[in-house]
PDB file of N, CA and C in Angstrom:
ATOM      1  N   MET A   1      -7.552   3.875  15.941  1.00  0.00           N
ATOM      2  CA  MET A   1      -7.560   4.727  14.780  1.00  0.00           C
ATOM      3  C   MET A   1      -8.743   4.352  13.890  1.00  0.00           C
ATOM      4  N   LYS A   2      -9.473   5.335  13.450  1.00  0.00           N
ATOM      5  CA  LYS A   2     -10.674   5.091  12.660  1.00  0.00           C
ATOM      6  C   LYS A   2     -10.315   4.652  11.245  1.00  0.00           C
ATOM      7  N   ASN A   3     -11.011   3.639  10.763  1.00  0.00           N
ATOM      8  CA  ASN A   3     -10.801   3.118   9.421  1.00  0.00           C
ATOM      9  C   ASN A   3     -11.723   3.861   8.475  1.00  0.00           C
ATOM     10  N   PHE A   4     -11.144   4.568   7.472  1.00  0.00           N
ATOM     11  CA  PHE A   4     -11.977   5.324   6.543  1.00  0.00           C
ATOM     12  C   PHE A   4     -12.659   4.424   5.532  1.00  0.00           C
ATOM     13  N   ASN A   5     -12.164   3.211   5.345  1.00  0.00           N
ATOM     14  CA  ASN A   5     -12.731   2.280   4.375  1.00  0.00           C
ATOM     15  C   ASN A   5     -13.794   1.463   5.104  1.00  0.00           C
ATOM     16  N   ILE A   6     -14.998   2.006   5.197  1.00  0.00           N
ATOM     17  CA  ILE A   6     -16.058   1.473   6.055  1.00  0.00           C
ATOM     18  C   ILE A   6     -16.439   0.037   5.700  1.00  0.00           C
ATOM     19  N   ASN A   7     -16.485  -0.316   4.431  1.00  0.00           N
ATOM     20  CA  ASN A   7     -16.928  -1.645   4.018  1.00  0.00           C
ATOM     21  C   ASN A   7     -15.829  -2.704   4.060  1.00  0.00           C
ATOM     22  N   ASN A   8     -14.625  -2.327   4.519  1.00  0.00           N
ATOM     23  CA  ASN A   8     -13.488  -3.248   4.589  1.00  0.00           C
ATOM     24  C   ASN A   8     -13.222  -3.934   3.251  1.00  0.00           C
ATOM     25  N   THR A   9     -13.358  -3.198   2.171  1.00  0.00           N
ATOM     26  CA  THR A   9     -13.061  -3.729   0.857  1.00  0.00           C
ATOM     27  C   THR A   9     -11.759  -3.128   0.359  1.00  0.00           C
ATOM     28  N   LYS A  10     -11.185  -3.789  -0.609  1.00  0.00           N
ATOM     29  CA  LYS A  10      -9.952  -3.292  -1.199  1.00  0.00           C
ATOM     30  C   LYS A  10     -10.297  -2.290  -2.288  1.00  0.00           C
ATOM     31  N   GLU A  11      -9.565  -1.219  -2.313  1.00  0.00           N
ATOM     32  CA  GLU A  11      -9.738  -0.198  -3.343  1.00  0.00           C
ATOM     33  C   GLU A  11      -8.457  -0.166  -4.170  1.00  0.00           C
ATOM     34  N   ARG A  12      -8.585  -0.361  -5.462  1.00  0.00           N
ATOM     35  CA  ARG A  12      -7.410  -0.359  -6.324  1.00  0.00           C
ATOM     36  C   ARG A  12      -6.855   1.054  -6.442  1.00  0.00           C
ATOM     37  N   VAL A  13      -5.536   1.181  -6.289  1.00  0.00           N
ATOM     38  CA  VAL A  13      -4.873   2.479  -6.350  1.00  0.00           C
ATOM     39  C   VAL A  13      -3.640   2.399  -7.247  1.00  0.00           C
ATOM     40  N   GLU A  14      -3.183   3.552  -7.684  1.00  0.00           N
ATOM     41  CA  GLU A  14      -1.932   3.660  -8.422  1.00  0.00           C
ATOM     42  C   GLU A  14      -0.846   4.029  -7.424  1.00  0.00           C
ATOM     43  N   VAL A  15       0.272   3.303  -7.439  1.00  0.00           N
ATOM     44  CA  VAL A  15       1.336   3.533  -6.463  1.00  0.00           C
ATOM     45  C   VAL A  15       2.644   3.826  -7.174  1.00  0.00           C
ATOM     46  N   MET A  16       3.363   4.817  -6.656  1.00  0.00           N
ATOM     47  CA  MET A  16       4.728   5.090  -7.074  1.00  0.00           C
ATOM     48  C   MET A  16       5.605   4.474  -5.992  1.00  0.00           C
ATOM     49  N   ALA A  17       6.455   3.515  -6.387  1.00  0.00           N
ATOM     50  CA  ALA A  17       7.265   2.794  -5.404  1.00  0.00           C
ATOM     51  C   ALA A  17       8.724   2.769  -5.830  1.00  0.00           C
ATOM     52  N   LEU A  18       9.584   2.639  -4.840  1.00  0.00           N
ATOM     53  CA  LEU A  18      11.015   2.524  -5.048  1.00  0.00           C
ATOM     54  C   LEU A  18      11.394   1.069  -4.782  1.00  0.00           C
ATOM     55  N   PHE A  19      11.992   0.415  -5.761  1.00  0.00           N
ATOM     56  CA  PHE A  19      12.357  -0.985  -5.624  1.00  0.00           C
ATOM     57  C   PHE A  19      13.858  -1.122  -5.415  1.00  0.00           C
ATOM     58  N   GLY A  20      14.252  -2.079  -4.548  1.00  0.00           N
ATOM     59  CA  GLY A  20      15.657  -2.374  -4.301  1.00  0.00           C
ATOM     60  C   GLY A  20      16.345  -1.348  -3.442  1.00  0.00           C
ATOM     61  N   TYR A  21      15.666  -0.854  -2.418  1.00  0.00           N
ATOM     62  CA  TYR A  21      16.216   0.167  -1.536  1.00  0.00           C
ATOM     63  C   TYR A  21      16.665  -0.454  -0.222  1.00  0.00           C
ATOM     64  N   GLU A  22      17.967  -0.612  -0.018  1.00  0.00           N
ATOM     65  CA  GLU A  22      18.598  -1.148   1.189  1.00  0.00           C
ATOM     66  C   GLU A  22      17.939  -2.446   1.661  1.00  0.00           C
ATOM     67  N   MET A  23      17.485  -2.495   2.898  1.00  0.00           N
ATOM     68  CA  MET A  23      16.935  -3.727   3.482  1.00  0.00           C
ATOM     69  C   MET A  23      15.484  -3.961   3.076  1.00  0.00           C
ATOM     70  N   THR A  24      14.794  -2.935   2.617  1.00  0.00           N
ATOM     71  CA  THR A  24      13.413  -3.082   2.176  1.00  0.00           C
ATOM     72  C   THR A  24      13.405  -3.171   0.656  1.00  0.00           C
ATOM     73  N   PRO A  25      13.038  -4.326   0.085  1.00  0.00           N
ATOM     74  CA  PRO A  25      13.099  -4.472  -1.369  1.00  0.00           C
ATOM     75  C   PRO A  25      12.113  -3.593  -2.131  1.00  0.00           C
ATOM     76  N   CYS A  26      11.064  -3.128  -1.463  1.00  0.00           N
ATOM     77  CA  CYS A  26      10.078  -2.256  -2.101  1.00  0.00           C
ATOM     78  C   CYS A  26       9.579  -1.264  -1.057  1.00  0.00           C
ATOM     79  N   GLU A  27       9.507   0.004  -1.449  1.00  0.00           N
ATOM     80  CA  GLU A  27       9.008   1.031  -0.545  1.00  0.00           C
ATOM     81  C   GLU A  27       8.047   1.945  -1.292  1.00  0.00           C
ATOM     82  N   PRO A  28       6.748   1.940  -0.937  1.00  0.00           N
ATOM     83  CA  PRO A  28       5.802   2.843  -1.590  1.00  0.00           C
ATOM     84  C   PRO A  28       6.108   4.294  -1.208  1.00  0.00           C
ATOM     85  N   LEU A  29       6.127   5.178  -2.202  1.00  0.00           N
ATOM     86  CA  LEU A  29       6.432   6.587  -1.971  1.00  0.00           C
ATOM     87  C   LEU A  29       5.180   7.455  -1.989  1.00  0.00           C
ATOM     88  N   SER A  30       4.223   7.099  -2.844  1.00  0.00           N
ATOM     89  CA  SER A  30       2.970   7.847  -2.925  1.00  0.00           C
ATOM     90  C   SER A  30       1.921   6.969  -3.593  1.00  0.00           C
ATOM     91  N   PHE A  31       0.653   7.359  -3.442  1.00  0.00           N
ATOM     92  CA  PHE A  31      -0.420   6.643  -4.119  1.00  0.00           C
ATOM     93  C   PHE A  31      -1.536   7.598  -4.477  1.00  0.00           C
ATOM     94  N   LYS A  32      -2.311   7.177  -5.466  1.00  0.00           N
ATOM     95  CA  LYS A  32      -3.422   7.992  -5.942  1.00  0.00           C
ATOM     96  C   LYS A  32      -4.660   7.122  -6.040  1.00  0.00           C
ATOM     97  N   ARG A  33      -5.749   7.598  -5.458  1.00  0.00           N
ATOM     98  CA  ARG A  33      -7.028   6.898  -5.515  1.00  0.00           C
ATOM     99  C   ARG A  33      -7.754   7.277  -6.788  1.00  0.00           C
ATOM    100  N   ARG A  34      -8.566   6.372  -7.308  1.00  0.00           N
ATOM    101  CA  ARG A  34      -9.334   6.648  -8.524  1.00  0.00           C
ATOM    102  C   ARG A  34     -10.355   7.742  -8.275  1.00  0.00           C
ATOM    103  N   GLY A  35     -10.471   8.633  -9.243  1.00  0.00           N
ATOM    104  CA  GLY A  35     -11.442   9.713  -9.146  1.00  0.00           C
ATOM    105  C   GLY A  35     -11.012  10.855  -8.249  1.00  0.00           C
ATOM    106  N   VAL A  36      -9.810  10.803  -7.700  1.00  0.00           N
ATOM    107  CA  VAL A  36      -9.308  11.851  -6.814  1.00  0.00           C
ATOM    108  C   VAL A  36      -8.043  12.420  -7.443  1.00  0.00           C
ATOM    109  N   GLN A  37      -7.977  13.737  -7.580  1.00  0.00           N
ATOM    110  CA  GLN A  37      -6.819  14.374  -8.212  1.00  0.00           C
ATOM    111  C   GLN A  37      -5.584  14.376  -7.305  1.00  0.00           C
ATOM    112  N   GLU A  38      -5.819  14.444  -6.006  1.00  0.00           N
ATOM    113  CA  GLU A  38      -4.728  14.573  -5.042  1.00  0.00           C
ATOM    114  C   GLU A  38      -3.893  13.296  -4.944  1.00  0.00           C
ATOM    115  N   VAL A  39      -2.573  13.456  -4.929  1.00  0.00           N
ATOM    116  CA  VAL A  39      -1.645  12.346  -4.727  1.00  0.00           C
ATOM    117  C   VAL A  39      -1.273  12.324  -3.252  1.00  0.00           C
ATOM    118  N   GLU A  40      -1.409  11.164  -2.626  1.00  0.00           N
ATOM    119  CA  GLU A  40      -1.093  11.000  -1.203  1.00  0.00           C
ATOM    120  C   GLU A  40       0.387  10.641  -1.072  1.00  0.00           C
ATOM    121  N   GLU A  41       1.165  11.488  -0.427  1.00  0.00           N
ATOM    122  CA  GLU A  41       2.593  11.265  -0.237  1.00  0.00           C
ATOM    123  C   GLU A  41       2.820  10.480   1.050  1.00  0.00           C
ATOM    124  N   VAL A  42       3.514   9.355   0.944  1.00  0.00           N
ATOM    125  CA  VAL A  42       3.840   8.544   2.120  1.00  0.00           C
ATOM    126  C   VAL A  42       4.937   9.253   2.895  1.00  0.00           C
ATOM    127  N   THR A  43       4.675   9.535   4.173  1.00  0.00           N
ATOM    128  CA  THR A  43       5.663  10.226   4.999  1.00  0.00           C
ATOM    129  C   THR A  43       6.508   9.269   5.819  1.00  0.00           C
ATOM    130  N   GLU A  44       5.978   8.054   6.073  1.00  0.00           N
ATOM    131  CA  GLU A  44       6.736   7.085   6.867  1.00  0.00           C
ATOM    132  C   GLU A  44       6.272   5.661   6.557  1.00  0.00           C
ATOM    133  N   LEU A  45       7.236   4.766   6.398  1.00  0.00           N
ATOM    134  CA  LEU A  45       6.944   3.343   6.245  1.00  0.00           C
ATOM    135  C   LEU A  45       7.048   2.719   7.627  1.00  0.00           C
ATOM    136  N   LEU A  46       5.921   2.225   8.148  1.00  0.00           N
ATOM    137  CA  LEU A  46       5.898   1.660   9.495  1.00  0.00           C
ATOM    138  C   LEU A  46       6.303   0.192   9.518  1.00  0.00           C
ATOM    139  N   GLU A  47       5.758  -0.580   8.569  1.00  0.00           N
ATOM    140  CA  GLU A  47       6.015  -2.028   8.554  1.00  0.00           C
ATOM    141  C   GLU A  47       5.783  -2.560   7.148  1.00  0.00           C
ATOM    142  N   ALA A  48       6.579  -3.551   6.797  1.00  0.00           N
ATOM    143  CA  ALA A  48       6.399  -4.260   5.528  1.00  0.00           C
ATOM    144  C   ALA A  48       6.443  -5.747   5.829  1.00  0.00           C
ATOM    145  N   LYS A  49       5.472  -6.502   5.286  1.00  0.00           N
ATOM    146  CA  LYS A  49       5.465  -7.947   5.504  1.00  0.00           C
ATOM    147  C   LYS A  49       4.923  -8.652   4.271  1.00  0.00           C
ATOM    148  N   VAL A  50       5.237  -9.932   4.160  1.00  0.00           N
ATOM    149  CA  VAL A  50       4.840 -10.745   3.015  1.00  0.00           C
ATOM    150  C   VAL A  50       4.022 -11.927   3.511  1.00  0.00           C
ATOM    151  N   CYS A  51       2.914 -12.215   2.839  1.00  0.00           N
ATOM    152  CA  CYS A  51       2.104 -13.406   3.114  1.00  0.00           C
ATOM    153  C   CYS A  51       2.016 -14.201   1.818  1.00  0.00           C
ATOM    154  N   PHE A  52       2.290 -15.495   1.906  1.00  0.00           N
ATOM    155  CA  PHE A  52       2.264 -16.337   0.723  1.00  0.00           C
ATOM    156  C   PHE A  52       0.908 -16.992   0.568  1.00  0.00           C
ATOM    157  N   ASP A  53       0.409 -16.973  -0.664  1.00  0.00           N
ATOM    158  CA  ASP A  53      -0.885 -17.540  -1.007  1.00  0.00           C
ATOM    159  C   ASP A  53      -0.646 -18.492  -2.184  1.00  0.00           C
ATOM    160  N   GLY A  54      -0.342 -19.763  -1.874  1.00  0.00           N
ATOM    161  CA  GLY A  54       0.017 -20.713  -2.918  1.00  0.00           C
ATOM    162  C   GLY A  54       1.378 -20.369  -3.482  1.00  0.00           C
ATOM    163  N   ASN A  55       1.446 -20.183  -4.796  1.00  0.00           N
ATOM    164  CA  ASN A  55       2.707 -19.842  -5.441  1.00  0.00           C
ATOM    165  C   ASN A  55       2.954 -18.346  -5.538  1.00  0.00           C
ATOM    166  N   PHE A  56       2.045 -17.554  -5.020  1.00  0.00           N
ATOM    167  CA  PHE A  56       2.150 -16.108  -5.139  1.00  0.00           C
ATOM    168  C   PHE A  56       2.226 -15.466  -3.766  1.00  0.00           C
ATOM    169  N   ALA A  57       2.713 -14.241  -3.761  1.00  0.00           N
ATOM    170  CA  ALA A  57       2.869 -13.502  -2.505  1.00  0.00           C
ATOM    171  C   ALA A  57       2.013 -12.244  -2.535  1.00  0.00           C
ATOM    172  N   ARG A  58       1.560 -11.852  -1.355  1.00  0.00           N
ATOM    173  CA  ARG A  58       0.903 -10.566  -1.159  1.00  0.00           C
ATOM    174  C   ARG A  58       1.782  -9.777  -0.201  1.00  0.00           C
ATOM    175  N   HIS A  59       2.128  -8.586  -0.598  1.00  0.00           N
ATOM    176  CA  HIS A  59       3.003  -7.729   0.198  1.00  0.00           C
ATOM    177  C   HIS A  59       2.149  -6.652   0.860  1.00  0.00           C
ATOM    178  N   PHE A  60       2.311  -6.476   2.159  1.00  0.00           N
ATOM    179  CA  PHE A  60       1.547  -5.487   2.912  1.00  0.00           C
ATOM    180  C   PHE A  60       2.485  -4.419   3.445  1.00  0.00           C
ATOM    181  N   PHE A  61       2.058  -3.174   3.321  1.00  0.00           N
ATOM    182  CA  PHE A  61       2.845  -2.043   3.787  1.00  0.00           C
ATOM    183  C   PHE A  61       1.966  -1.163   4.657  1.00  0.00           C
ATOM    184  N   ASP A  62       2.345  -1.007   5.913  1.00  0.00           N
ATOM    185  CA  ASP A  62       1.675  -0.056   6.799  1.00  0.00           C
ATOM    186  C   ASP A  62       2.433   1.252   6.674  1.00  0.00           C
ATOM    187  N   VAL A  63       1.733   2.300   6.258  1.00  0.00           N
ATOM    188  CA  VAL A  63       2.374   3.584   5.993  1.00  0.00           C
ATOM    189  C   VAL A  63       1.614   4.708   6.685  1.00  0.00           C
ATOM    190  N   MET A  64       2.314   5.805   6.868  1.00  0.00           N
ATOM    191  CA  MET A  64       1.700   7.028   7.372  1.00  0.00           C
ATOM    192  C   MET A  64       1.675   8.048   6.246  1.00  0.00           C
ATOM    193  N   VAL A  65       0.543   8.723   6.112  1.00  0.00           N
ATOM    194  CA  VAL A  65       0.384   9.833   5.188  1.00  0.00           C
ATOM    195  C   VAL A  65      -0.001  11.016   6.071  1.00  0.00           C
ATOM    196  N   GLY A  66       0.988  11.804   6.420  1.00  0.00           N
ATOM    197  CA  GLY A  66       0.760  12.846   7.418  1.00  0.00           C
ATOM    198  C   GLY A  66       0.498  12.173   8.762  1.00  0.00           C
ATOM    199  N   ARG A  67      -0.705  12.374   9.315  1.00  0.00           N
ATOM    200  CA  ARG A  67      -1.079  11.730  10.584  1.00  0.00           C
ATOM    201  C   ARG A  67      -2.029  10.553  10.389  1.00  0.00           C
ATOM    202  N   ARG A  68      -2.313  10.206   9.129  1.00  0.00           N
ATOM    203  CA  ARG A  68      -3.248   9.121   8.845  1.00  0.00           C
ATOM    204  C   ARG A  68      -2.511   7.822   8.545  1.00  0.00           C
ATOM    205  N   HIS A  69      -3.010   6.732   9.107  1.00  0.00           N
ATOM    206  CA  HIS A  69      -2.440   5.405   8.906  1.00  0.00           C
ATOM    207  C   HIS A  69      -3.180   4.705   7.772  1.00  0.00           C
ATOM    208  N   HIS A  70      -2.415   4.105   6.861  1.00  0.00           N
ATOM    209  CA  HIS A  70      -2.999   3.365   5.748  1.00  0.00           C
ATOM    210  C   HIS A  70      -2.259   2.043   5.594  1.00  0.00           C
ATOM    211  N   ARG A  71      -2.941   1.066   4.998  1.00  0.00           N
ATOM    212  CA  ARG A  71      -2.298  -0.197   4.643  1.00  0.00           C
ATOM    213  C   ARG A  71      -2.443  -0.392   3.140  1.00  0.00           C
ATOM    214  N   LEU A  72      -1.307  -0.558   2.485  1.00  0.00           N
ATOM    215  CA  LEU A  72      -1.275  -0.838   1.056  1.00  0.00           C
ATOM    216  C   LEU A  72      -0.929  -2.293   0.848  1.00  0.00           C
ATOM    217  N   GLU A  73      -1.524  -2.900  -0.164  1.00  0.00           N
ATOM    218  CA  GLU A  73      -1.257  -4.303  -0.487  1.00  0.00           C
ATOM    219  C   GLU A  73      -0.843  -4.395  -1.953  1.00  0.00           C
ATOM    220  N   PHE A  74       0.211  -5.153  -2.212  1.00  0.00           N
ATOM    221  CA  PHE A  74       0.627  -5.441  -3.576  1.00  0.00           C
ATOM    222  C   PHE A  74       0.413  -6.923  -3.831  1.00  0.00           C
ATOM    223  N   ASP A  75      -0.395  -7.247  -4.827  1.00  0.00           N
ATOM    224  CA  ASP A  75      -0.694  -8.628  -5.190  1.00  0.00           C
ATOM    225  C   ASP A  75       0.259  -9.033  -6.314  1.00  0.00           C
ATOM    226  N   SER A  76       1.174  -9.955  -6.044  1.00  0.00           N
ATOM    227  CA  SER A  76       2.178 -10.332  -7.038  1.00  0.00           C
ATOM    228  C   SER A  76       1.598 -11.174  -8.169  1.00  0.00           C
ATOM    229  N   LYS A  77       0.386 -11.678  -8.006  1.00  0.00           N
ATOM    230  CA  LYS A  77      -0.253 -12.449  -9.080  1.00  0.00           C
ATOM    231  C   LYS A  77      -0.860 -11.511 -10.132  1.00  0.00           C
ATOM    232  N   SER A  78      -1.642 -10.560  -9.693  1.00  0.00           N
ATOM    233  CA  SER A  78      -2.307  -9.629 -10.607  1.00  0.00           C
ATOM    234  C   SER A  78      -1.454  -8.390 -10.896  1.00  0.00           C
ATOM    235  N   LEU A  79      -0.451  -8.157 -10.072  1.00  0.00           N
ATOM    236  CA  LEU A  79       0.424  -6.967 -10.147  1.00  0.00           C
ATOM    237  C   LEU A  79      -0.346  -5.674  -9.889  1.00  0.00           C
ATOM    238  N   TYR A  80      -1.402  -5.759  -9.085  1.00  0.00           N
ATOM    239  CA  TYR A  80      -2.193  -4.588  -8.704  1.00  0.00           C
ATOM    240  C   TYR A  80      -1.871  -4.174  -7.277  1.00  0.00           C
ATOM    241  N   TRP A  81      -1.994  -2.881  -7.026  1.00  0.00           N
ATOM    242  CA  TRP A  81      -1.893  -2.323  -5.684  1.00  0.00           C
ATOM    243  C   TRP A  81      -3.303  -2.034  -5.169  1.00  0.00           C
ATOM    244  N   TYR A  82      -3.507  -2.264  -3.882  1.00  0.00           N
ATOM    245  CA  TYR A  82      -4.797  -2.011  -3.252  1.00  0.00           C
ATOM    246  C   TYR A  82      -4.603  -1.195  -1.977  1.00  0.00           C
ATOM    247  N   LEU A  83      -5.557  -0.334  -1.695  1.00  0.00           N
ATOM    248  CA  LEU A  83      -5.640   0.362  -0.428  1.00  0.00           C
ATOM    249  C   LEU A  83      -6.601  -0.443   0.422  1.00  0.00           C
ATOM    250  N   VAL A  84      -6.092  -1.016   1.512  1.00  0.00           N
ATOM    251  CA  VAL A  84      -6.898  -1.910   2.348  1.00  0.00           C
ATOM    252  C   VAL A  84      -7.502  -1.147   3.509  1.00  0.00           C
ATOM    253  N   ALA A  85      -6.749  -0.302   4.151  1.00  0.00           N
ATOM    254  CA  ALA A  85      -7.254   0.442   5.323  1.00  0.00           C
ATOM    255  C   ALA A  85      -6.593   1.798   5.399  1.00  0.00           C
TER     256      ALA A  85
END
């Protein structure tokens, strides 16, 4: 699958998420990129995982938006969401 983020950098995004939903403590529902009016609706949550970095955690979510695969990251230290891929 082609990665649209050519420079492999993180892009900060605004995310609407549902917290405390059954077995998944956090589920992203949609996200919006800066400078873009369109809101990307998450159609499927493929995988959620946590990586610990010292005393803080980074949460990764592999999601589908229609037929496109994206990876969202939530940094628990800065409380920012990023679009990674």
